[in-house]
């Protein structure tokens, strides 16, 4: 299964008093990777798709430091449900895997405040991208 890969810079403000990236910052890194995925794979602006996060799980394995300068994030849309997309992430530095994570995004109709179906073209694009 092919993974989408992007790079995110480690910024000075990401670093906490312990000298490594603060645990809460990883959610932002994942959001940046998810945004890039939607833009490049689905050719959609995530800000305009009306998705909400239903689940976010992060497993921390190794700290990321300012000296790492950037992290590489691999993203796989591992499951497409009726109205949700499960995404798996691996965040790595040159030393290896720092974080493994998973999120579930739900397409959301802001007018009715209910989930809405994943469009069929998205399903086809996701399947084609990851099964190449």
N, C-alpha and C. Protein backbone atom coordinates (compact mmCIF):
# COMPACT_ATOMS: atom_id res chain seq x y z
N UNK A 1 0.85 -1.18 0.00
CA UNK A 1 0.00 0.00 0.00
C UNK A 1 0.90 1.24 0.00
N UNK A 2 0.72 2.09 -0.98
CA UNK A 2 1.51 3.32 -1.09
C UNK A 2 1.10 4.33 -0.02
N UNK A 3 2.09 5.01 0.52
CA UNK A 3 1.84 6.07 1.49
C UNK A 3 2.11 7.42 0.85
N UNK A 4 1.32 8.40 1.23
CA UNK A 4 1.57 9.79 0.88
C UNK A 4 2.63 10.29 1.85
N UNK A 5 3.62 11.02 1.36
CA UNK A 5 4.71 11.50 2.22
C UNK A 5 4.85 13.01 2.09
N UNK A 6 5.02 13.66 3.24
CA UNK A 6 5.25 15.10 3.27
C UNK A 6 6.25 15.41 4.38
N UNK A 7 6.81 16.60 4.33
CA UNK A 7 7.78 17.03 5.34
C UNK A 7 7.24 18.26 6.05
N UNK A 8 7.43 18.29 7.37
CA UNK A 8 7.00 19.41 8.19
C UNK A 8 8.21 19.92 8.97
N UNK A 9 8.44 21.23 8.92
CA UNK A 9 9.55 21.83 9.65
C UNK A 9 9.28 21.82 11.15
N UNK A 10 10.34 21.59 11.93
CA UNK A 10 10.27 21.73 13.38
C UNK A 10 10.62 23.18 13.70
N UNK A 11 9.68 23.87 14.29
CA UNK A 11 9.88 25.30 14.59
C UNK A 11 10.34 25.48 16.03
N UNK A 12 11.00 26.59 16.29
CA UNK A 12 11.47 26.89 17.63
C UNK A 12 10.31 26.87 18.63
N UNK A 13 9.16 27.38 18.23
CA UNK A 13 8.02 27.45 19.15
C UNK A 13 7.42 26.09 19.46
N UNK A 14 7.80 25.04 18.72
CA UNK A 14 7.30 23.69 18.96
C UNK A 14 7.97 23.03 20.17
N UNK A 15 9.10 23.59 20.58
CA UNK A 15 9.94 22.97 21.61
C UNK A 15 9.47 23.38 22.99
N UNK A 16 9.39 22.41 23.90
CA UNK A 16 8.96 22.70 25.27
C UNK A 16 10.16 22.81 26.21
N UNK A 17 9.89 22.96 27.48
CA UNK A 17 10.94 23.15 28.49
C UNK A 17 11.85 21.93 28.62
N UNK A 18 11.41 20.79 28.14
CA UNK A 18 12.23 19.58 28.20
C UNK A 18 13.21 19.50 27.03
N UNK A 19 13.09 20.45 26.08
CA UNK A 19 14.02 20.49 24.96
C UNK A 19 13.60 19.68 23.74
N UNK A 20 12.37 19.17 23.74
CA UNK A 20 11.88 18.42 22.58
C UNK A 20 10.51 18.93 22.18
N UNK A 21 10.00 18.45 21.06
CA UNK A 21 8.70 18.88 20.58
C UNK A 21 7.64 18.49 21.61
N UNK A 22 6.81 19.46 21.98
CA UNK A 22 5.75 19.23 22.94
C UNK A 22 4.73 18.25 22.39
N UNK A 23 4.21 17.40 23.25
CA UNK A 23 3.28 16.36 22.81
C UNK A 23 2.08 16.92 22.04
N UNK A 24 1.56 18.06 22.42
CA UNK A 24 0.38 18.63 21.77
C UNK A 24 0.67 19.10 20.34
N UNK A 25 1.92 19.40 20.05
CA UNK A 25 2.30 19.91 18.73
C UNK A 25 2.13 18.83 17.66
N UNK A 26 2.25 17.56 18.05
CA UNK A 26 2.12 16.49 17.06
C UNK A 26 0.75 16.51 16.39
N UNK A 27 -0.30 16.90 17.11
CA UNK A 27 -1.63 17.01 16.49
C UNK A 27 -1.60 18.03 15.36
N UNK A 28 -0.84 19.11 15.53
CA UNK A 28 -0.70 20.10 14.47
C UNK A 28 0.10 19.54 13.31
N UNK A 29 1.17 18.79 13.58
CA UNK A 29 1.93 18.16 12.51
C UNK A 29 1.02 17.24 11.68
N UNK A 30 0.19 16.45 12.36
CA UNK A 30 -0.73 15.55 11.67
C UNK A 30 -1.73 16.33 10.84
N UNK A 31 -2.21 17.44 11.38
CA UNK A 31 -3.14 18.29 10.63
C UNK A 31 -2.47 18.85 9.37
N UNK A 32 -1.22 19.26 9.48
CA UNK A 32 -0.50 19.75 8.31
C UNK A 32 -0.35 18.66 7.27
N UNK A 33 -0.06 17.44 7.71
CA UNK A 33 0.07 16.32 6.77
C UNK A 33 -1.28 15.99 6.13
N UNK A 34 -2.33 16.01 6.93
CA UNK A 34 -3.68 15.73 6.42
C UNK A 34 -4.09 16.80 5.40
N UNK A 35 -3.78 18.05 5.67
CA UNK A 35 -4.07 19.15 4.75
C UNK A 35 -3.35 18.95 3.43
N UNK A 36 -2.07 18.57 3.50
CA UNK A 36 -1.29 18.32 2.28
C UNK A 36 -1.86 17.12 1.52
N UNK A 37 -2.27 16.09 2.23
CA UNK A 37 -2.87 14.92 1.60
C UNK A 37 -4.13 15.32 0.83
N UNK A 38 -5.04 16.03 1.47
CA UNK A 38 -6.27 16.45 0.80
C UNK A 38 -5.96 17.31 -0.42
N UNK A 39 -5.01 18.21 -0.28
CA UNK A 39 -4.67 19.12 -1.38
C UNK A 39 -4.04 18.37 -2.55
N UNK A 40 -3.10 17.49 -2.25
CA UNK A 40 -2.34 16.85 -3.33
C UNK A 40 -2.98 15.57 -3.87
N UNK A 41 -3.62 14.79 -3.02
CA UNK A 41 -4.21 13.53 -3.48
C UNK A 41 -5.63 13.75 -3.98
N UNK A 42 -6.44 14.45 -3.19
CA UNK A 42 -7.85 14.65 -3.55
C UNK A 42 -8.10 15.97 -4.28
N UNK A 43 -7.05 16.80 -4.36
CA UNK A 43 -7.18 18.12 -4.98
C UNK A 43 -8.31 18.92 -4.35
N UNK A 44 -8.38 18.84 -3.01
CA UNK A 44 -9.39 19.56 -2.23
C UNK A 44 -8.70 20.35 -1.12
N UNK A 45 -9.25 21.51 -0.83
CA UNK A 45 -8.77 22.30 0.30
C UNK A 45 -9.48 21.78 1.54
N UNK A 46 -8.74 21.25 2.49
CA UNK A 46 -9.32 20.67 3.69
C UNK A 46 -10.23 21.66 4.41
N UNK A 47 -9.88 22.94 4.35
CA UNK A 47 -10.69 23.97 5.02
C UNK A 47 -12.07 24.12 4.39
N UNK A 48 -12.21 23.65 3.16
CA UNK A 48 -13.49 23.79 2.46
C UNK A 48 -14.27 22.48 2.36
N UNK A 49 -13.79 21.42 3.00
CA UNK A 49 -14.45 20.12 2.87
C UNK A 49 -15.41 19.83 4.02
N UNK A 50 -15.42 20.64 5.03
CA UNK A 50 -16.30 20.43 6.20
C UNK A 50 -16.12 19.05 6.80
N UNK A 51 -14.91 18.79 7.29
CA UNK A 51 -14.65 17.55 8.02
C UNK A 51 -14.44 17.88 9.48
N UNK A 52 -14.78 16.92 10.33
CA UNK A 52 -14.51 17.04 11.75
C UNK A 52 -13.73 15.81 12.19
N UNK A 53 -12.91 15.96 13.20
CA UNK A 53 -12.15 14.84 13.73
C UNK A 53 -13.03 14.10 14.74
N UNK A 54 -13.23 12.81 14.50
CA UNK A 54 -14.00 11.99 15.43
C UNK A 54 -13.07 11.29 16.43
N UNK A 55 -11.88 10.93 15.95
CA UNK A 55 -10.91 10.22 16.78
C UNK A 55 -9.50 10.68 16.42
N UNK A 56 -8.66 10.83 17.44
CA UNK A 56 -7.25 11.10 17.23
C UNK A 56 -6.47 10.35 18.30
N UNK A 57 -5.62 9.44 17.85
CA UNK A 57 -4.79 8.64 18.76
C UNK A 57 -3.34 8.83 18.36
N UNK A 58 -2.48 9.11 19.35
CA UNK A 58 -1.06 9.32 19.09
C UNK A 58 -0.24 8.45 20.04
N UNK A 59 0.64 7.64 19.47
CA UNK A 59 1.58 6.83 20.25
C UNK A 59 2.97 7.41 20.06
N UNK A 60 3.60 7.81 21.17
CA UNK A 60 4.90 8.45 21.14
C UNK A 60 6.00 7.40 21.35
N UNK A 61 7.01 7.41 20.45
CA UNK A 61 8.09 6.43 20.54
C UNK A 61 9.44 7.06 20.81
N UNK A 62 9.73 8.23 20.21
CA UNK A 62 11.05 8.84 20.33
C UNK A 62 10.89 10.35 20.22
N UNK A 63 11.56 11.13 21.06
CA UNK A 63 11.42 12.58 20.98
C UNK A 63 11.93 13.16 19.67
N UNK A 64 11.36 14.28 19.29
CA UNK A 64 11.86 15.07 18.17
C UNK A 64 12.44 16.34 18.77
N UNK A 65 13.64 16.71 18.33
CA UNK A 65 14.34 17.88 18.86
C UNK A 65 14.41 18.97 17.81
N UNK A 66 14.69 20.17 18.23
CA UNK A 66 14.84 21.31 17.31
C UNK A 66 15.93 21.01 16.28
N UNK A 67 16.98 20.34 16.72
CA UNK A 67 18.09 20.01 15.84
C UNK A 67 17.69 19.08 14.70
N UNK A 68 16.56 18.39 14.85
CA UNK A 68 16.09 17.52 13.78
C UNK A 68 15.64 18.33 12.56
N UNK A 69 15.29 19.58 12.76
CA UNK A 69 14.91 20.54 11.72
C UNK A 69 13.59 20.22 11.02
N UNK A 70 13.30 18.96 10.76
CA UNK A 70 12.03 18.60 10.13
C UNK A 70 11.68 17.16 10.46
N UNK A 71 10.42 16.82 10.21
CA UNK A 71 9.97 15.44 10.33
C UNK A 71 9.35 15.04 9.00
N UNK A 72 9.44 13.77 8.70
CA UNK A 72 8.79 13.21 7.53
C UNK A 72 7.54 12.48 8.01
N UNK A 73 6.43 12.76 7.37
CA UNK A 73 5.17 12.15 7.78
C UNK A 73 4.60 11.35 6.61
N UNK A 74 4.37 10.07 6.86
CA UNK A 74 3.70 9.21 5.89
C UNK A 74 2.24 9.09 6.31
N UNK A 75 1.35 9.18 5.32
CA UNK A 75 -0.08 9.11 5.56
C UNK A 75 -0.69 8.04 4.66
N UNK A 76 -1.52 7.20 5.25
CA UNK A 76 -2.28 6.21 4.50
C UNK A 76 -3.74 6.33 4.90
N UNK A 77 -4.60 6.51 3.91
CA UNK A 77 -6.05 6.46 4.17
C UNK A 77 -6.41 4.98 4.16
N UNK A 78 -6.44 4.38 5.35
CA UNK A 78 -6.54 2.93 5.46
C UNK A 78 -7.96 2.40 5.37
N UNK A 79 -8.94 3.26 5.56
CA UNK A 79 -10.33 2.80 5.50
C UNK A 79 -11.23 3.97 5.14
N UNK A 80 -12.11 3.74 4.20
CA UNK A 80 -13.10 4.75 3.83
C UNK A 80 -14.47 4.16 4.13
N UNK A 81 -15.15 4.78 5.10
CA UNK A 81 -16.48 4.31 5.48
C UNK A 81 -17.55 5.06 4.72
N UNK A 82 -18.75 5.03 5.23
CA UNK A 82 -19.86 5.73 4.60
C UNK A 82 -19.64 7.23 4.61
N UNK A 83 -19.22 7.75 5.76
CA UNK A 83 -19.00 9.20 5.89
C UNK A 83 -17.66 9.52 6.53
N UNK A 84 -16.83 8.53 6.73
CA UNK A 84 -15.57 8.75 7.45
C UNK A 84 -14.37 8.21 6.69
N UNK A 85 -13.21 8.79 7.01
CA UNK A 85 -11.94 8.33 6.46
C UNK A 85 -10.99 8.11 7.63
N UNK A 86 -10.49 6.89 7.76
CA UNK A 86 -9.48 6.57 8.77
C UNK A 86 -8.11 6.78 8.14
N UNK A 87 -7.27 7.57 8.82
CA UNK A 87 -5.92 7.84 8.31
C UNK A 87 -4.89 7.39 9.34
N UNK A 88 -3.85 6.73 8.85
CA UNK A 88 -2.75 6.30 9.70
C UNK A 88 -1.51 7.10 9.34
N UNK A 89 -0.75 7.49 10.36
CA UNK A 89 0.41 8.36 10.18
C UNK A 89 1.64 7.75 10.83
N UNK A 90 2.78 7.95 10.19
CA UNK A 90 4.07 7.66 10.80
C UNK A 90 4.90 8.93 10.70
N UNK A 91 5.34 9.43 11.85
CA UNK A 91 6.16 10.64 11.91
C UNK A 91 7.58 10.19 12.25
N UNK A 92 8.54 10.57 11.40
CA UNK A 92 9.90 10.07 11.58
C UNK A 92 10.94 11.17 11.43
N UNK A 93 12.06 10.95 12.08
CA UNK A 93 13.26 11.77 11.91
C UNK A 93 14.33 10.88 11.27
N UNK A 94 15.53 11.39 11.13
CA UNK A 94 16.62 10.58 10.60
C UNK A 94 16.96 9.41 11.52
N UNK A 95 16.58 9.52 12.80
CA UNK A 95 16.85 8.46 13.76
C UNK A 95 15.83 7.33 13.71
N UNK A 96 14.67 7.59 13.12
CA UNK A 96 13.64 6.56 13.05
C UNK A 96 12.27 7.11 13.41
N UNK A 97 11.35 6.21 13.73
CA UNK A 97 9.96 6.57 14.00
C UNK A 97 9.85 7.27 15.35
N UNK A 98 9.25 8.45 15.32
CA UNK A 98 9.01 9.22 16.54
C UNK A 98 7.59 9.00 17.05
N UNK A 99 6.65 8.95 16.13
CA UNK A 99 5.24 8.87 16.49
C UNK A 99 4.50 8.02 15.47
N UNK A 100 3.56 7.23 15.95
CA UNK A 100 2.57 6.58 15.11
C UNK A 100 1.21 7.10 15.57
N UNK A 101 0.33 7.40 14.62
CA UNK A 101 -0.95 8.00 14.98
C UNK A 101 -2.04 7.54 14.05
N UNK A 102 -3.26 7.81 14.47
CA UNK A 102 -4.43 7.48 13.67
C UNK A 102 -5.50 8.53 13.93
N UNK A 103 -6.21 8.89 12.86
CA UNK A 103 -7.34 9.80 13.02
C UNK A 103 -8.50 9.29 12.18
N UNK A 104 -9.68 9.70 12.58
CA UNK A 104 -10.88 9.44 11.78
C UNK A 104 -11.54 10.79 11.56
N UNK A 105 -11.65 11.15 10.27
CA UNK A 105 -12.34 12.37 9.88
C UNK A 105 -13.72 12.00 9.37
N UNK A 106 -14.70 12.81 9.72
CA UNK A 106 -16.06 12.59 9.25
C UNK A 106 -16.46 13.79 8.40
N UNK A 107 -16.94 13.52 7.19
CA UNK A 107 -17.50 14.61 6.38
C UNK A 107 -18.78 15.06 7.06
N UNK A 108 -18.96 16.35 7.14
CA UNK A 108 -20.00 16.91 7.99
C UNK A 108 -20.79 17.96 7.22
N UNK A 109 -22.10 17.88 7.31
CA UNK A 109 -22.99 18.88 6.71
C UNK A 109 -23.27 19.93 7.79
N UNK A 110 -22.72 21.12 7.61
CA UNK A 110 -22.85 22.15 8.65
C UNK A 110 -24.28 22.67 8.79
N UNK A 111 -25.07 22.57 7.74
CA UNK A 111 -26.46 23.04 7.82
C UNK A 111 -27.32 22.09 8.64
N UNK A 112 -27.19 20.80 8.39
CA UNK A 112 -28.02 19.83 9.11
C UNK A 112 -27.32 19.29 10.36
N UNK A 113 -26.04 19.61 10.51
CA UNK A 113 -25.22 19.14 11.63
C UNK A 113 -25.22 17.61 11.73
N UNK A 114 -25.07 16.98 10.55
CA UNK A 114 -25.03 15.52 10.48
C UNK A 114 -23.92 15.10 9.52
N UNK A 115 -23.44 13.85 9.66
CA UNK A 115 -22.45 13.34 8.70
C UNK A 115 -23.04 13.28 7.30
N UNK A 116 -22.15 13.41 6.31
CA UNK A 116 -22.60 13.29 4.92
C UNK A 116 -21.70 12.26 4.23
N UNK A 117 -22.19 11.64 3.18
CA UNK A 117 -21.43 10.56 2.53
C UNK A 117 -20.13 11.04 1.87
N UNK A 118 -19.15 10.15 1.88
CA UNK A 118 -17.90 10.39 1.14
C UNK A 118 -18.26 10.33 -0.34
N UNK A 119 -17.88 11.33 -1.13
CA UNK A 119 -18.17 11.28 -2.57
C UNK A 119 -17.46 10.10 -3.26
N UNK A 120 -18.14 9.47 -4.19
CA UNK A 120 -17.57 8.33 -4.92
C UNK A 120 -16.24 8.66 -5.60
N UNK A 121 -16.09 9.86 -6.20
CA UNK A 121 -14.78 10.17 -6.80
C UNK A 121 -13.64 10.17 -5.77
N UNK A 122 -13.92 10.58 -4.53
CA UNK A 122 -12.90 10.53 -3.48
C UNK A 122 -12.51 9.08 -3.21
N UNK A 123 -13.50 8.22 -3.10
CA UNK A 123 -13.24 6.80 -2.84
C UNK A 123 -12.32 6.22 -3.91
N UNK A 124 -12.66 6.49 -5.17
CA UNK A 124 -11.87 5.96 -6.29
C UNK A 124 -10.45 6.51 -6.25
N UNK A 125 -10.30 7.80 -5.99
CA UNK A 125 -8.97 8.42 -5.95
C UNK A 125 -8.13 7.85 -4.82
N UNK A 126 -8.72 7.70 -3.65
CA UNK A 126 -8.01 7.14 -2.49
C UNK A 126 -7.57 5.72 -2.80
N UNK A 127 -8.46 4.91 -3.32
CA UNK A 127 -8.14 3.51 -3.65
C UNK A 127 -7.01 3.44 -4.68
N UNK A 128 -7.12 4.24 -5.74
CA UNK A 128 -6.08 4.25 -6.78
C UNK A 128 -4.75 4.71 -6.23
N UNK A 129 -4.75 5.75 -5.41
CA UNK A 129 -3.50 6.29 -4.88
C UNK A 129 -2.76 5.27 -4.02
N UNK A 130 -3.48 4.61 -3.14
CA UNK A 130 -2.82 3.70 -2.19
C UNK A 130 -2.59 2.30 -2.72
N UNK A 131 -3.27 1.92 -3.77
CA UNK A 131 -3.11 0.56 -4.29
C UNK A 131 -2.19 0.48 -5.50
N UNK A 132 -1.54 1.57 -5.88
CA UNK A 132 -0.65 1.56 -7.06
C UNK A 132 0.44 0.52 -6.91
